């Protein structure tokens, strides 16, 4: 089994507050955000909607990509989200069906 390391973006809603993170287990981590079990930015700004993610085979690659994306301006991140998820729907529901 190949371990995957996702980089993901959470939003507070359509075109809302964004946060970009990396994790070793996407389903578990998003569930934790949705339950407000993760203290900090996502809880403070109610950024609970998974609007973008990309998988990497190794954590080091995911961390590098996270650092790259964090340097991007907001509009570039929005464009990235809308390329994959133009409706800004919560992709969490898709993950639960895998």
N, C-alpha and C. Protein backbone atom coordinates (compact mmCIF):
# COMPACT_ATOMS: atom_id res chain seq x y z
N UNK A 1 0.84 -1.18 0.00
CA UNK A 1 0.00 0.00 0.00
C UNK A 1 0.89 1.25 0.00
N UNK A 2 0.59 2.18 -0.87
CA UNK A 2 1.35 3.42 -0.97
C UNK A 2 0.74 4.43 -0.01
N UNK A 3 1.56 4.98 0.84
CA UNK A 3 1.10 6.03 1.74
C UNK A 3 1.02 7.33 0.96
N UNK A 4 -0.06 8.05 1.13
CA UNK A 4 -0.23 9.31 0.42
C UNK A 4 -0.26 10.45 1.42
N UNK A 5 0.36 11.53 1.02
CA UNK A 5 0.44 12.73 1.86
C UNK A 5 -0.26 13.87 1.14
N UNK A 6 -1.45 14.23 1.57
CA UNK A 6 -2.18 15.29 0.89
C UNK A 6 -1.88 16.69 1.40
N UNK A 7 -1.91 17.61 0.46
CA UNK A 7 -1.94 19.04 0.73
C UNK A 7 -3.39 19.43 0.50
N UNK A 8 -3.95 20.23 1.39
CA UNK A 8 -5.36 20.55 1.24
C UNK A 8 -5.65 22.00 1.62
N UNK A 9 -6.77 22.49 1.09
CA UNK A 9 -7.24 23.84 1.40
C UNK A 9 -8.64 23.73 2.00
N UNK A 10 -8.81 24.37 3.14
CA UNK A 10 -10.12 24.49 3.77
C UNK A 10 -10.60 25.93 3.60
N UNK A 11 -11.91 26.09 3.50
CA UNK A 11 -12.50 27.42 3.37
C UNK A 11 -13.65 27.56 4.35
N UNK A 12 -13.95 28.80 4.70
CA UNK A 12 -15.09 29.07 5.58
C UNK A 12 -16.40 29.09 4.78
N UNK A 13 -16.29 29.11 3.48
CA UNK A 13 -17.44 29.14 2.59
C UNK A 13 -16.98 29.61 1.22
N UNK A 14 -17.92 29.82 0.32
CA UNK A 14 -17.56 30.26 -1.03
C UNK A 14 -16.77 31.56 -0.95
N UNK A 15 -15.57 31.55 -1.54
CA UNK A 15 -14.70 32.72 -1.59
C UNK A 15 -14.40 33.28 -0.20
N UNK A 16 -14.44 32.41 0.80
CA UNK A 16 -14.23 32.86 2.17
C UNK A 16 -12.79 32.75 2.62
N UNK A 17 -12.61 32.70 3.93
CA UNK A 17 -11.30 32.55 4.53
C UNK A 17 -10.71 31.21 4.13
N UNK A 18 -9.43 31.21 3.77
CA UNK A 18 -8.75 29.99 3.32
C UNK A 18 -7.61 29.63 4.27
N UNK A 19 -7.38 28.34 4.41
CA UNK A 19 -6.20 27.85 5.10
C UNK A 19 -5.65 26.66 4.32
N UNK A 20 -4.36 26.56 4.27
CA UNK A 20 -3.69 25.53 3.49
C UNK A 20 -2.81 24.72 4.44
N UNK A 21 -2.96 23.39 4.38
CA UNK A 21 -2.23 22.53 5.30
C UNK A 21 -1.81 21.23 4.61
N UNK A 22 -1.02 20.45 5.34
CA UNK A 22 -0.58 19.13 4.88
C UNK A 22 -0.84 18.15 6.02
N UNK A 23 -1.11 16.91 5.70
CA UNK A 23 -1.39 15.91 6.72
C UNK A 23 -0.97 14.53 6.23
N UNK A 24 -0.92 13.60 7.12
CA UNK A 24 -0.63 12.22 6.77
C UNK A 24 -1.88 11.39 6.59
N UNK A 25 -3.02 11.93 7.03
CA UNK A 25 -4.28 11.19 6.93
C UNK A 25 -5.43 12.18 6.73
N UNK A 26 -5.82 12.37 5.48
CA UNK A 26 -6.78 13.42 5.12
C UNK A 26 -8.15 13.22 5.75
N UNK A 27 -8.72 12.05 5.66
CA UNK A 27 -10.08 11.83 6.17
C UNK A 27 -10.14 12.12 7.66
N UNK A 28 -9.20 11.59 8.40
CA UNK A 28 -9.16 11.80 9.85
C UNK A 28 -8.98 13.28 10.18
N UNK A 29 -8.08 13.93 9.48
CA UNK A 29 -7.78 15.34 9.79
C UNK A 29 -8.97 16.25 9.49
N UNK A 30 -9.64 16.02 8.37
CA UNK A 30 -10.80 16.86 8.03
C UNK A 30 -11.91 16.64 9.05
N UNK A 31 -12.11 15.39 9.45
CA UNK A 31 -13.11 15.10 10.49
C UNK A 31 -12.79 15.89 11.76
N UNK A 32 -11.52 15.92 12.14
CA UNK A 32 -11.11 16.67 13.33
C UNK A 32 -11.42 18.16 13.18
N UNK A 33 -11.15 18.71 11.99
CA UNK A 33 -11.47 20.12 11.75
C UNK A 33 -12.98 20.34 11.87
N UNK A 34 -13.76 19.48 11.28
CA UNK A 34 -15.22 19.65 11.29
C UNK A 34 -15.80 19.54 12.70
N UNK A 35 -15.15 18.79 13.57
CA UNK A 35 -15.60 18.64 14.95
C UNK A 35 -15.00 19.72 15.87
N UNK A 36 -14.24 20.66 15.29
CA UNK A 36 -13.55 21.72 16.04
C UNK A 36 -12.60 21.15 17.10
N UNK A 37 -11.96 20.05 16.76
CA UNK A 37 -10.98 19.44 17.66
C UNK A 37 -9.58 19.99 17.44
N UNK A 38 -9.40 20.76 16.36
CA UNK A 38 -8.10 21.33 16.04
C UNK A 38 -8.12 22.81 16.44
N UNK A 39 -7.35 23.13 17.47
CA UNK A 39 -7.29 24.52 17.92
C UNK A 39 -6.54 25.36 16.89
N UNK A 40 -6.90 26.62 16.81
CA UNK A 40 -6.16 27.52 15.94
C UNK A 40 -7.02 28.15 14.87
N UNK A 41 -6.39 28.39 13.73
CA UNK A 41 -6.97 29.17 12.65
C UNK A 41 -8.29 28.60 12.14
N UNK A 42 -8.31 27.29 11.86
CA UNK A 42 -9.53 26.70 11.27
C UNK A 42 -10.72 26.79 12.22
N UNK A 43 -10.46 26.61 13.50
CA UNK A 43 -11.54 26.72 14.48
C UNK A 43 -11.98 28.17 14.64
N UNK A 44 -11.03 29.07 14.73
CA UNK A 44 -11.34 30.49 14.92
C UNK A 44 -12.18 31.06 13.78
N UNK A 45 -11.85 30.67 12.54
CA UNK A 45 -12.53 31.23 11.37
C UNK A 45 -13.54 30.27 10.73
N UNK A 46 -13.85 29.18 11.41
CA UNK A 46 -14.82 28.18 10.91
C UNK A 46 -14.51 27.74 9.49
N UNK A 47 -13.23 27.50 9.23
CA UNK A 47 -12.81 27.02 7.90
C UNK A 47 -12.88 25.49 7.91
N UNK A 48 -14.08 24.97 7.63
CA UNK A 48 -14.34 23.55 7.75
C UNK A 48 -14.67 22.87 6.42
N UNK A 49 -14.69 23.61 5.34
CA UNK A 49 -15.07 23.04 4.05
C UNK A 49 -13.82 22.68 3.25
N UNK A 50 -13.68 21.41 2.93
CA UNK A 50 -12.56 20.95 2.11
C UNK A 50 -12.86 21.31 0.66
N UNK A 51 -12.14 22.30 0.13
CA UNK A 51 -12.43 22.78 -1.22
C UNK A 51 -11.37 22.37 -2.24
N UNK A 52 -10.22 21.87 -1.75
CA UNK A 52 -9.15 21.47 -2.67
C UNK A 52 -8.22 20.51 -1.93
N UNK A 53 -7.73 19.51 -2.66
CA UNK A 53 -6.65 18.68 -2.14
C UNK A 53 -5.90 18.06 -3.29
N UNK A 54 -4.65 17.74 -3.03
CA UNK A 54 -3.83 17.02 -3.99
C UNK A 54 -2.96 16.04 -3.22
N UNK A 55 -2.79 14.86 -3.78
CA UNK A 55 -2.06 13.80 -3.10
C UNK A 55 -0.61 13.74 -3.58
N UNK A 56 0.28 13.45 -2.64
CA UNK A 56 1.70 13.26 -2.93
C UNK A 56 2.12 11.93 -2.32
N UNK A 57 3.02 11.24 -2.99
CA UNK A 57 3.45 9.93 -2.51
C UNK A 57 4.32 10.02 -1.27
N UNK A 58 5.03 11.12 -1.10
CA UNK A 58 5.92 11.26 0.05
C UNK A 58 5.64 12.56 0.79
N UNK A 59 5.79 12.50 2.10
CA UNK A 59 5.51 13.67 2.93
C UNK A 59 6.42 14.84 2.57
N UNK A 60 7.67 14.57 2.26
CA UNK A 60 8.60 15.66 1.91
C UNK A 60 8.10 16.45 0.69
N UNK A 61 7.57 15.74 -0.30
CA UNK A 61 7.03 16.40 -1.49
C UNK A 61 5.80 17.23 -1.13
N UNK A 62 4.98 16.70 -0.24
CA UNK A 62 3.78 17.43 0.19
C UNK A 62 4.16 18.69 0.95
N UNK A 63 5.16 18.59 1.80
CA UNK A 63 5.61 19.76 2.57
C UNK A 63 6.18 20.82 1.64
N UNK A 64 6.95 20.41 0.65
CA UNK A 64 7.49 21.37 -0.33
C UNK A 64 6.37 22.06 -1.08
N UNK A 65 5.36 21.28 -1.49
CA UNK A 65 4.23 21.87 -2.22
C UNK A 65 3.45 22.82 -1.32
N UNK A 66 3.25 22.46 -0.07
CA UNK A 66 2.56 23.33 0.87
C UNK A 66 3.29 24.67 0.99
N UNK A 67 4.61 24.61 1.15
CA UNK A 67 5.40 25.84 1.26
C UNK A 67 5.28 26.69 0.00
N UNK A 68 5.28 26.04 -1.16
CA UNK A 68 5.13 26.76 -2.43
C UNK A 68 3.77 27.45 -2.49
N UNK A 69 2.71 26.71 -2.19
CA UNK A 69 1.36 27.27 -2.27
C UNK A 69 1.12 28.38 -1.26
N UNK A 70 1.74 28.27 -0.10
CA UNK A 70 1.57 29.32 0.91
C UNK A 70 2.16 30.65 0.47
N UNK A 71 3.10 30.62 -0.45
CA UNK A 71 3.68 31.85 -0.98
C UNK A 71 2.80 32.49 -2.05
N UNK A 72 1.86 31.72 -2.59
CA UNK A 72 0.98 32.24 -3.62
C UNK A 72 0.05 33.30 -3.05
N UNK A 73 -0.36 34.24 -3.92
CA UNK A 73 -1.34 35.21 -3.46
C UNK A 73 -2.73 34.57 -3.46
N UNK A 74 -3.67 35.22 -2.83
CA UNK A 74 -5.02 34.67 -2.66
C UNK A 74 -5.69 34.32 -4.00
N UNK A 75 -5.56 35.18 -4.99
CA UNK A 75 -6.23 34.93 -6.26
C UNK A 75 -5.69 33.66 -6.93
N UNK A 76 -4.41 33.42 -6.84
CA UNK A 76 -3.84 32.20 -7.42
C UNK A 76 -4.42 30.96 -6.73
N UNK A 77 -4.59 31.04 -5.42
CA UNK A 77 -5.19 29.92 -4.68
C UNK A 77 -6.64 29.72 -5.09
N UNK A 78 -7.36 30.81 -5.25
CA UNK A 78 -8.76 30.72 -5.70
C UNK A 78 -8.82 30.08 -7.08
N UNK A 79 -7.92 30.49 -7.97
CA UNK A 79 -7.89 29.90 -9.31
C UNK A 79 -7.61 28.41 -9.24
N UNK A 80 -6.71 28.00 -8.36
CA UNK A 80 -6.40 26.58 -8.18
C UNK A 80 -7.63 25.82 -7.69
N UNK A 81 -8.31 26.37 -6.71
CA UNK A 81 -9.54 25.75 -6.20
C UNK A 81 -10.56 25.61 -7.31
N UNK A 82 -10.79 26.70 -8.04
CA UNK A 82 -11.86 26.70 -9.05
C UNK A 82 -11.54 25.81 -10.25
N UNK A 83 -10.27 25.55 -10.48
CA UNK A 83 -9.90 24.62 -11.55
C UNK A 83 -10.36 23.20 -11.22
N UNK A 84 -10.27 22.83 -9.95
CA UNK A 84 -10.67 21.50 -9.50
C UNK A 84 -12.12 21.46 -9.04
N UNK A 85 -12.59 22.55 -8.46
CA UNK A 85 -13.85 22.56 -7.74
C UNK A 85 -14.56 23.90 -7.96
N UNK A 86 -15.05 24.11 -9.15
CA UNK A 86 -15.62 25.42 -9.51
C UNK A 86 -16.84 25.80 -8.67
N UNK A 87 -17.54 24.83 -8.13
CA UNK A 87 -18.72 25.11 -7.31
C UNK A 87 -18.38 25.31 -5.84
N UNK A 88 -17.13 25.15 -5.48
CA UNK A 88 -16.67 25.27 -4.09
C UNK A 88 -17.45 24.32 -3.19
N UNK A 89 -17.79 23.15 -3.70
CA UNK A 89 -18.51 22.20 -2.86
C UNK A 89 -17.55 21.56 -1.86
N UNK A 90 -18.10 21.06 -0.78
CA UNK A 90 -17.30 20.42 0.26
C UNK A 90 -16.91 19.03 -0.22
N UNK A 91 -15.64 18.85 -0.53
CA UNK A 91 -15.15 17.58 -1.07
C UNK A 91 -15.09 16.48 -0.01
N UNK A 92 -15.32 16.83 1.23
CA UNK A 92 -15.37 15.87 2.32
C UNK A 92 -16.35 14.75 2.01
N UNK A 93 -17.49 15.10 1.44
CA UNK A 93 -18.51 14.10 1.13
C UNK A 93 -17.99 13.06 0.14
N UNK A 94 -17.18 13.47 -0.82
CA UNK A 94 -16.59 12.54 -1.77
C UNK A 94 -15.59 11.60 -1.10
N UNK A 95 -14.84 12.13 -0.16
CA UNK A 95 -13.83 11.31 0.53
C UNK A 95 -14.47 10.19 1.33
N UNK A 96 -15.60 10.48 1.93
CA UNK A 96 -16.30 9.48 2.74
C UNK A 96 -16.81 8.31 1.93
N UNK A 97 -16.94 8.49 0.62
CA UNK A 97 -17.47 7.45 -0.26
C UNK A 97 -16.39 6.55 -0.83
N UNK A 98 -15.14 6.87 -0.55
CA UNK A 98 -14.03 6.06 -1.08
C UNK A 98 -13.86 4.79 -0.31
